[in-house]
Amino acid sequence: MKFPRNCLIAALFFFSACAAPRTAVNSRADFSAIKRVAVLTFGGSGGELAADLFTQSLLAHGADVVERQQLSAVMQEQSLSSSPSFDQATAKQLGKLLGVDALFVGSVAASTPPSTYLVSTSDKTLIASVTQLAGGSVYSDGSLLGMPNSQLVSTTADVSLVTRMVDVETGSILWSASMSYDGFDIQTAMFGITDAFVTSLAPIWPALSRIK
């Protein structure tokens, strides 16, 4: 049975909209004290894009976020590392230099771009031999004109992100989250995750606008 591509796309977005990150919250954290934050470049491939999109999501929901170019300039000037495993002293120093109460650090745990495959069958066979598909959800782009018994099959991009909110004074982790998400390209998948991260923070962090 074949499904129209637009139906498959709608199904994918419905599934993604229902997805939620796995989160952990420090029970001793006082989120009301967090007024201004900075987002460090995420580790891993595509980490710069992930941090930019997370910053965008935070801003869209009312957070006071340090401009990332300003953050990069300060870190270069002070010869500070943007590694997700930076120490408490670095966090405290950045807090003073930037006037922030918390930092977001994270990493791109996995990032698989979308792929397209040509699947061909023989009139004498019922099953085609196809290279193993990698990535997220699979959908059909339809048959190819002039190529009987052939069609294009595509996979969505698949991204996994992990992030933490760190108190600059104590070095304590206030909140952490991880999530995997399918999108039709890397940027779409990353934005789906970062927006879900911020949505999960809204009920516990007063600095964010409540999401209805």
C-alpha atoms as a PDB file:
ATOM      1  CA  MET A   1       0.000   0.000   0.000  1.00  0.00           C
ATOM      2  CA  LYS A   2       1.409   3.406  -0.978  1.00  0.00           C
ATOM      3  CA  PHE A   3       0.740   6.635   0.931  1.00  0.00           C
ATOM      4  CA  PRO A   4       0.899  10.106  -0.659  1.00  0.00           C
ATOM      5  CA  ARG A   5       4.011  11.961   0.413  1.00  0.00           C
ATOM      6  CA  ASN A   6       2.011  14.878   1.881  1.00  0.00           C
ATOM      7  CA  CYS A   7       0.226  12.439   4.221  1.00  0.00           C
ATOM      8  CA  LEU A   8       3.537  10.987   5.323  1.00  0.00           C
ATOM      9  CA  ILE A   9       4.937  14.471   5.968  1.00  0.00           C
ATOM     10  CA  ALA A  10       1.886  15.337   8.062  1.00  0.00           C
ATOM     11  CA  ALA A  11       2.301  12.122  10.038  1.00  0.00           C
ATOM     12  CA  LEU A  12       5.951  12.886  10.690  1.00  0.00           C
ATOM     13  CA  PHE A  13       5.178  16.369  11.985  1.00  0.00           C
ATOM     14  CA  PHE A  14       2.374  14.998  14.169  1.00  0.00           C
ATOM     15  CA  PHE A  15       4.755  12.459  15.689  1.00  0.00           C
ATOM     16  CA  SER A  16       7.448  15.093  16.214  1.00  0.00           C
ATOM     17  CA  ALA A  17       5.007  17.496  17.851  1.00  0.00           C
ATOM     18  CA  CYS A  18       4.162  14.801  20.410  1.00  0.00           C
ATOM     19  CA  ALA A  19       7.806  14.114  21.199  1.00  0.00           C
ATOM     20  CA  ALA A  20       9.281  15.489  24.410  1.00  0.00           C
ATOM     21  CA  PRO A  21      12.804  15.600  25.834  1.00  0.00           C
ATOM     22  CA  ARG A  22      14.001  13.546  28.766  1.00  0.00           C
ATOM     23  CA  THR A  23      14.760  16.032  31.520  1.00  0.00           C
ATOM     24  CA  ALA A  24      16.209  16.127  35.029  1.00  0.00           C
ATOM     25  CA  VAL A  25      15.820  19.046  37.452  1.00  0.00           C
ATOM     26  CA  ASN A  26      17.922  19.878  40.506  1.00  0.00           C
ATOM     27  CA  SER A  27      15.403  19.911  43.365  1.00  0.00           C
ATOM     28  CA  ARG A  28      17.487  22.540  45.205  1.00  0.00           C
ATOM     29  CA  ALA A  29      17.687  24.925  42.235  1.00  0.00           C
ATOM     30  CA  ASP A  30      16.245  28.433  42.558  1.00  0.00           C
ATOM     31  CA  PHE A  31      15.264  29.271  38.991  1.00  0.00           C
ATOM     32  CA  SER A  32      13.839  32.630  40.060  1.00  0.00           C
ATOM     33  CA  ALA A  33      17.439  33.787  40.612  1.00  0.00           C
ATOM     34  CA  ILE A  34      18.360  33.099  36.970  1.00  0.00           C
ATOM     35  CA  LYS A  35      17.813  36.370  35.113  1.00  0.00           C
ATOM     36  CA  ARG A  36      20.398  36.340  32.293  1.00  0.00           C
ATOM     37  CA  VAL A  37      22.072  33.427  30.518  1.00  0.00           C
ATOM     38  CA  ALA A  38      24.605  32.578  27.826  1.00  0.00           C
ATOM     39  CA  VAL A  39      24.669  29.615  25.439  1.00  0.00           C
ATOM     40  CA  LEU A  40      28.085  28.107  24.724  1.00  0.00           C
ATOM     41  CA  THR A  41      28.841  26.375  21.437  1.00  0.00           C
ATOM     42  CA  PHE A  42      27.730  22.759  21.654  1.00  0.00           C
ATOM     43  CA  GLY A  43      30.337  20.058  21.242  1.00  0.00           C
ATOM     44  CA  GLY A  44      30.277  17.788  18.195  1.00  0.00           C
ATOM     45  CA  SER A  45      29.511  18.273  14.538  1.00  0.00           C
ATOM     46  CA  GLY A  46      26.993  21.066  14.003  1.00  0.00           C
ATOM     47  CA  GLY A  47      27.519  22.425  17.521  1.00  0.00           C
ATOM     48  CA  GLU A  48      27.588  26.064  16.401  1.00  0.00           C
ATOM     49  CA  LEU A  49      24.234  25.708  14.643  1.00  0.00           C
ATOM     50  CA  ALA A  50      22.713  23.909  17.632  1.00  0.00           C
ATOM     51  CA  ALA A  51      23.781  26.704  19.989  1.00  0.00           C
ATOM     52  CA  ASP A  52      22.469  29.397  17.624  1.00  0.00           C
ATOM     53  CA  LEU A  53      19.091  27.677  17.318  1.00  0.00           C
ATOM     54  CA  PHE A  54      18.868  27.159  21.080  1.00  0.00           C
ATOM     55  CA  THR A  55      19.613  30.855  21.576  1.00  0.00           C
ATOM     56  CA  GLN A  56      16.861  31.708  19.091  1.00  0.00           C
ATOM     57  CA  SER A  57      14.368  29.493  20.935  1.00  0.00           C
ATOM     58  CA  LEU A  58      15.252  31.065  24.280  1.00  0.00           C
ATOM     59  CA  LEU A  59      14.848  34.589  22.892  1.00  0.00           C
ATOM     60  CA  ALA A  60      11.523  33.695  21.310  1.00  0.00           C
ATOM     61  CA  HIS A  61      10.238  32.751  24.753  1.00  0.00           C
ATOM     62  CA  GLY A  62      11.384  35.837  26.605  1.00  0.00           C
ATOM     63  CA  ALA A  63      14.822  34.882  27.956  1.00  0.00           C
ATOM     64  CA  ASP A  64      17.591  37.473  28.369  1.00  0.00           C
ATOM     65  CA  VAL A  65      20.467  35.879  26.433  1.00  0.00           C
ATOM     66  CA  VAL A  66      23.966  37.228  25.774  1.00  0.00           C
ATOM     67  CA  GLU A  67      24.634  37.771  22.065  1.00  0.00           C
ATOM     68  CA  ARG A  68      26.758  34.861  20.884  1.00  0.00           C
ATOM     69  CA  GLN A  69      29.316  37.012  19.058  1.00  0.00           C
ATOM     70  CA  GLN A  70      29.929  38.894  22.294  1.00  0.00           C
ATOM     71  CA  LEU A  71      30.324  35.571  24.095  1.00  0.00           C
ATOM     72  CA  SER A  72      32.852  34.341  21.509  1.00  0.00           C
ATOM     73  CA  ALA A  73      34.842  37.585  21.723  1.00  0.00           C
ATOM     74  CA  VAL A  74      35.079  37.357  25.519  1.00  0.00           C
ATOM     75  CA  MET A  75      36.117  33.708  25.415  1.00  0.00           C
ATOM     76  CA  GLN A  76      38.819  34.373  22.832  1.00  0.00           C
ATOM     77  CA  GLU A  77      40.113  37.377  24.748  1.00  0.00           C
ATOM     78  CA  GLN A  78      40.315  35.372  27.973  1.00  0.00           C
ATOM     79  CA  SER A  79      41.595  32.210  26.192  1.00  0.00           C
ATOM     80  CA  LEU A  80      38.699  30.197  27.614  1.00  0.00           C
ATOM     81  CA  SER A  81      37.599  26.841  26.251  1.00  0.00           C
ATOM     82  CA  SER A  82      34.045  26.279  25.012  1.00  0.00           C
ATOM     83  CA  SER A  83      34.288  22.568  25.806  1.00  0.00           C
ATOM     84  CA  PRO A  84      31.101  21.137  27.375  1.00  0.00           C
ATOM     85  CA  SER A  85      33.322  19.776  30.176  1.00  0.00           C
ATOM     86  CA  PHE A  86      34.718  23.192  31.247  1.00  0.00           C
ATOM     87  CA  ASP A  87      35.339  23.531  34.993  1.00  0.00           C
ATOM     88  CA  GLN A  88      33.614  25.556  37.707  1.00  0.00           C
ATOM     89  CA  ALA A  89      36.303  28.243  37.696  1.00  0.00           C
ATOM     90  CA  THR A  90      35.657  28.884  33.988  1.00  0.00           C
ATOM     91  CA  ALA A  91      31.908  29.068  34.596  1.00  0.00           C
ATOM     92  CA  LYS A  92      32.380  31.573  37.419  1.00  0.00           C
ATOM     93  CA  GLN A  93      34.759  33.687  35.352  1.00  0.00           C
ATOM     94  CA  LEU A  94      32.346  33.810  32.435  1.00  0.00           C
ATOM     95  CA  GLY A  95      29.533  34.692  34.802  1.00  0.00           C
ATOM     96  CA  LYS A  96      31.420  37.757  36.033  1.00  0.00           C
ATOM     97  CA  LEU A  97      32.648  38.846  32.606  1.00  0.00           C
ATOM     98  CA  LEU A  98      29.260  38.526  30.921  1.00  0.00           C
ATOM     99  CA  GLY A  99      26.981  39.358  33.818  1.00  0.00           C
ATOM    100  CA  VAL A 100      25.085  36.084  33.539  1.00  0.00           C
ATOM    101  CA  ASP A 101      23.617  33.826  36.203  1.00  0.00           C
ATOM    102  CA  ALA A 102      23.757  30.554  34.276  1.00  0.00           C
ATOM    103  CA  LEU A 103      25.311  28.964  31.216  1.00  0.00           C
ATOM    104  CA  PHE A 104      23.876  26.444  28.802  1.00  0.00           C
ATOM    105  CA  VAL A 105      26.370  23.863  27.580  1.00  0.00           C
ATOM    106  CA  GLY A 106      25.685  20.836  25.420  1.00  0.00           C
ATOM    107  CA  SER A 107      26.730  18.463  22.701  1.00  0.00           C
ATOM    108  CA  VAL A 108      25.465  17.027  19.444  1.00  0.00           C
ATOM    109  CA  ALA A 109      25.306  13.333  20.311  1.00  0.00           C
ATOM    110  CA  ALA A 110      24.286  12.239  16.803  1.00  0.00           C
ATOM    111  CA  SER A 111      23.589  13.941  13.493  1.00  0.00           C
ATOM    112  CA  THR A 112      22.590  12.005  10.383  1.00  0.00           C
ATOM    113  CA  PRO A 113      21.689  14.032   7.277  1.00  0.00           C
ATOM    114  CA  PRO A 114      18.748  13.105   5.053  1.00  0.00           C
ATOM    115  CA  SER A 115      19.454  10.622   2.254  1.00  0.00           C
ATOM    116  CA  THR A 116      17.760   9.549  -0.966  1.00  0.00           C
ATOM    117  CA  TYR A 117      17.979   6.111  -2.581  1.00  0.00           C
ATOM    118  CA  LEU A 118      16.914   4.722  -5.928  1.00  0.00           C
ATOM    119  CA  VAL A 119      15.051   1.449  -5.451  1.00  0.00           C
ATOM    120  CA  SER A 120      14.590  -0.750  -8.513  1.00  0.00           C
ATOM    121  CA  THR A 121      12.833  -4.095  -8.863  1.00  0.00           C
ATOM    122  CA  SER A 122      12.940  -6.682 -11.594  1.00  0.00           C
ATOM    123  CA  ASP A 123       9.844  -8.009 -13.344  1.00  0.00           C
ATOM    124  CA  LYS A 124      10.939 -11.458 -12.194  1.00  0.00           C
ATOM    125  CA  THR A 125      11.381 -10.591  -8.520  1.00  0.00           C
ATOM    126  CA  LEU A 126       9.021  -9.345  -5.868  1.00  0.00           C
ATOM    127  CA  ILE A 127      11.685  -8.071  -3.474  1.00  0.00           C
ATOM    128  CA  ALA A 128      14.313  -5.480  -4.324  1.00  0.00           C
ATOM    129  CA  SER A 129      17.805  -5.537  -2.899  1.00  0.00           C
ATOM    130  CA  VAL A 130      18.346  -2.152  -1.286  1.00  0.00           C
ATOM    131  CA  THR A 131      21.268  -0.627   0.604  1.00  0.00           C
ATOM    132  CA  GLN A 132      20.489  -0.418   4.310  1.00  0.00           C
ATOM    133  CA  LEU A 133      18.775   2.872   5.087  1.00  0.00           C
ATOM    134  CA  ALA A 134      20.218   5.102   7.790  1.00  0.00           C
ATOM    135  CA  GLY A 135      18.673   8.118   9.429  1.00  0.00           C
ATOM    136  CA  GLY A 136      15.201   8.813  10.671  1.00  0.00           C
ATOM    137  CA  SER A 137      11.784   8.075   9.219  1.00  0.00           C
ATOM    138  CA  VAL A 138      11.483   6.695   5.694  1.00  0.00           C
ATOM    139  CA  TYR A 139       9.089   7.924   3.026  1.00  0.00           C
ATOM    140  CA  SER A 140       8.585   7.498  -0.718  1.00  0.00           C
ATOM    141  CA  ASP A 141       9.151  10.316  -3.213  1.00  0.00           C
ATOM    142  CA  GLY A 142       7.219   8.387  -5.862  1.00  0.00           C
ATOM    143  CA  SER A 143       8.119   6.642  -9.108  1.00  0.00           C
ATOM    144  CA  LEU A 144      10.519   7.989 -11.732  1.00  0.00           C
ATOM    145  CA  LEU A 145       9.281   8.944 -15.184  1.00  0.00           C
ATOM    146  CA  GLY A 146      10.750   6.652 -17.816  1.00  0.00           C
ATOM    147  CA  MET A 147      12.063   4.171 -15.250  1.00  0.00           C
ATOM    148  CA  PRO A 148       9.482   1.438 -14.678  1.00  0.00           C
ATOM    149  CA  ASN A 149       9.610  -0.511 -11.418  1.00  0.00           C
ATOM    150  CA  SER A 150      11.721   2.235  -9.815  1.00  0.00           C
ATOM    151  CA  GLN A 151      11.090   4.864  -7.174  1.00  0.00           C
ATOM    152  CA  LEU A 152      12.963   7.240  -4.912  1.00  0.00           C
ATOM    153  CA  VAL A 153      13.012   6.474  -1.200  1.00  0.00           C
ATOM    154  CA  SER A 154      14.237   9.088   1.267  1.00  0.00           C
ATOM    155  CA  THR A 155      15.117   9.178   4.942  1.00  0.00           C
ATOM    156  CA  THR A 156      14.700  12.185   7.200  1.00  0.00           C
ATOM    157  CA  ALA A 157      17.578  13.808   9.057  1.00  0.00           C
ATOM    158  CA  ASP A 158      18.078  12.436  12.559  1.00  0.00           C
ATOM    159  CA  VAL A 159      19.629  14.534  15.353  1.00  0.00           C
ATOM    160  CA  SER A 160      20.260  13.931  19.067  1.00  0.00           C
ATOM    161  CA  LEU A 161      21.174  16.777  21.440  1.00  0.00           C
ATOM    162  CA  VAL A 162      22.154  16.838  25.111  1.00  0.00           C
ATOM    163  CA  THR A 163      22.286  20.068  27.128  1.00  0.00           C
ATOM    164  CA  ARG A 164      22.701  21.331  30.684  1.00  0.00           C
ATOM    165  CA  MET A 165      21.979  24.577  32.536  1.00  0.00           C
ATOM    166  CA  VAL A 166      24.849  25.388  34.922  1.00  0.00           C
ATOM    167  CA  ASP A 167      24.844  27.844  37.832  1.00  0.00           C
ATOM    168  CA  VAL A 168      27.908  30.081  37.352  1.00  0.00           C
ATOM    169  CA  GLU A 169      28.402  30.640  41.096  1.00  0.00           C
ATOM    170  CA  THR A 170      28.299  27.048  42.304  1.00  0.00           C
ATOM    171  CA  GLY A 171      28.954  25.062  39.139  1.00  0.00           C
ATOM    172  CA  SER A 172      25.865  22.980  39.966  1.00  0.00           C
ATOM    173  CA  ILE A 173      23.733  21.577  37.170  1.00  0.00           C
ATOM    174  CA  LEU A 174      20.278  23.109  37.515  1.00  0.00           C
ATOM    175  CA  TRP A 175      18.577  21.307  34.642  1.00  0.00           C
ATOM    176  CA  SER A 176      19.554  18.830  31.950  1.00  0.00           C
ATOM    177  CA  ALA A 177      17.806  17.419  28.909  1.00  0.00           C
ATOM    178  CA  SER A 178      18.349  15.056  25.996  1.00  0.00           C
ATOM    179  CA  MET A 179      16.277  14.359  22.925  1.00  0.00           C
ATOM    180  CA  SER A 180      16.337  12.794  19.457  1.00  0.00           C
ATOM    181  CA  TYR A 181      14.266  14.224  16.625  1.00  0.00           C
ATOM    182  CA  ASP A 182      13.528  13.634  12.928  1.00  0.00           C
ATOM    183  CA  GLY A 183      13.374  16.497  10.456  1.00  0.00           C
ATOM    184  CA  PHE A 184      13.602  16.942   6.707  1.00  0.00           C
ATOM    185  CA  ASP A 185      17.029  18.541   7.194  1.00  0.00           C
ATOM    186  CA  ILE A 186      19.537  18.978  10.040  1.00  0.00           C
ATOM    187  CA  GLN A 187      18.418  22.513  10.893  1.00  0.00           C
ATOM    188  CA  THR A 188      14.743  21.527  11.130  1.00  0.00           C
ATOM    189  CA  ALA A 189      15.589  18.593  13.395  1.00  0.00           C
ATOM    190  CA  MET A 190      17.806  20.719  15.649  1.00  0.00           C
ATOM    191  CA  PHE A 191      15.187  23.457  15.922  1.00  0.00           C
ATOM    192  CA  GLY A 192      12.581  20.872  16.898  1.00  0.00           C
ATOM    193  CA  ILE A 193      14.806  19.768  19.779  1.00  0.00           C
ATOM    194  CA  THR A 194      15.854  23.211  21.007  1.00  0.00           C
ATOM    195  CA  ASP A 195      12.263  24.446  20.976  1.00  0.00           C
ATOM    196  CA  ALA A 196      11.189  21.376  22.970  1.00  0.00           C
ATOM    197  CA  PHE A 197      13.998  22.067  25.461  1.00  0.00           C
ATOM    198  CA  VAL A 198      12.731  25.591  26.064  1.00  0.00           C
ATOM    199  CA  THR A 199       9.143  24.369  26.320  1.00  0.00           C
ATOM    200  CA  SER A 200      10.200  21.990  29.097  1.00  0.00           C
ATOM    201  CA  LEU A 201      11.909  24.867  30.951  1.00  0.00           C
ATOM    202  CA  ALA A 202       8.959  27.263  30.804  1.00  0.00           C
ATOM    203  CA  PRO A 203       6.987  25.826  33.749  1.00  0.00           C
ATOM    204  CA  ILE A 204       9.986  26.004  36.126  1.00  0.00           C
ATOM    205  CA  TRP A 205      11.910  29.095  34.978  1.00  0.00           C
ATOM    206  CA  PRO A 206      10.005  32.364  35.631  1.00  0.00           C
ATOM    207  CA  ALA A 207      12.198  34.319  33.193  1.00  0.00           C
ATOM    208  CA  LEU A 208      10.513  32.522  30.301  1.00  0.00           C
ATOM    209  CA  SER A 209       7.118  33.343  28.889  1.00  0.00           C
ATOM    210  CA  ARG A 210       4.616  30.614  29.677  1.00  0.00           C
ATOM    211  CA  ILE A 211       3.781  28.583  26.587  1.00  0.00           C
ATOM    212  CA  LYS A 212       0.094  27.925  26.073  1.00  0.00           C
END
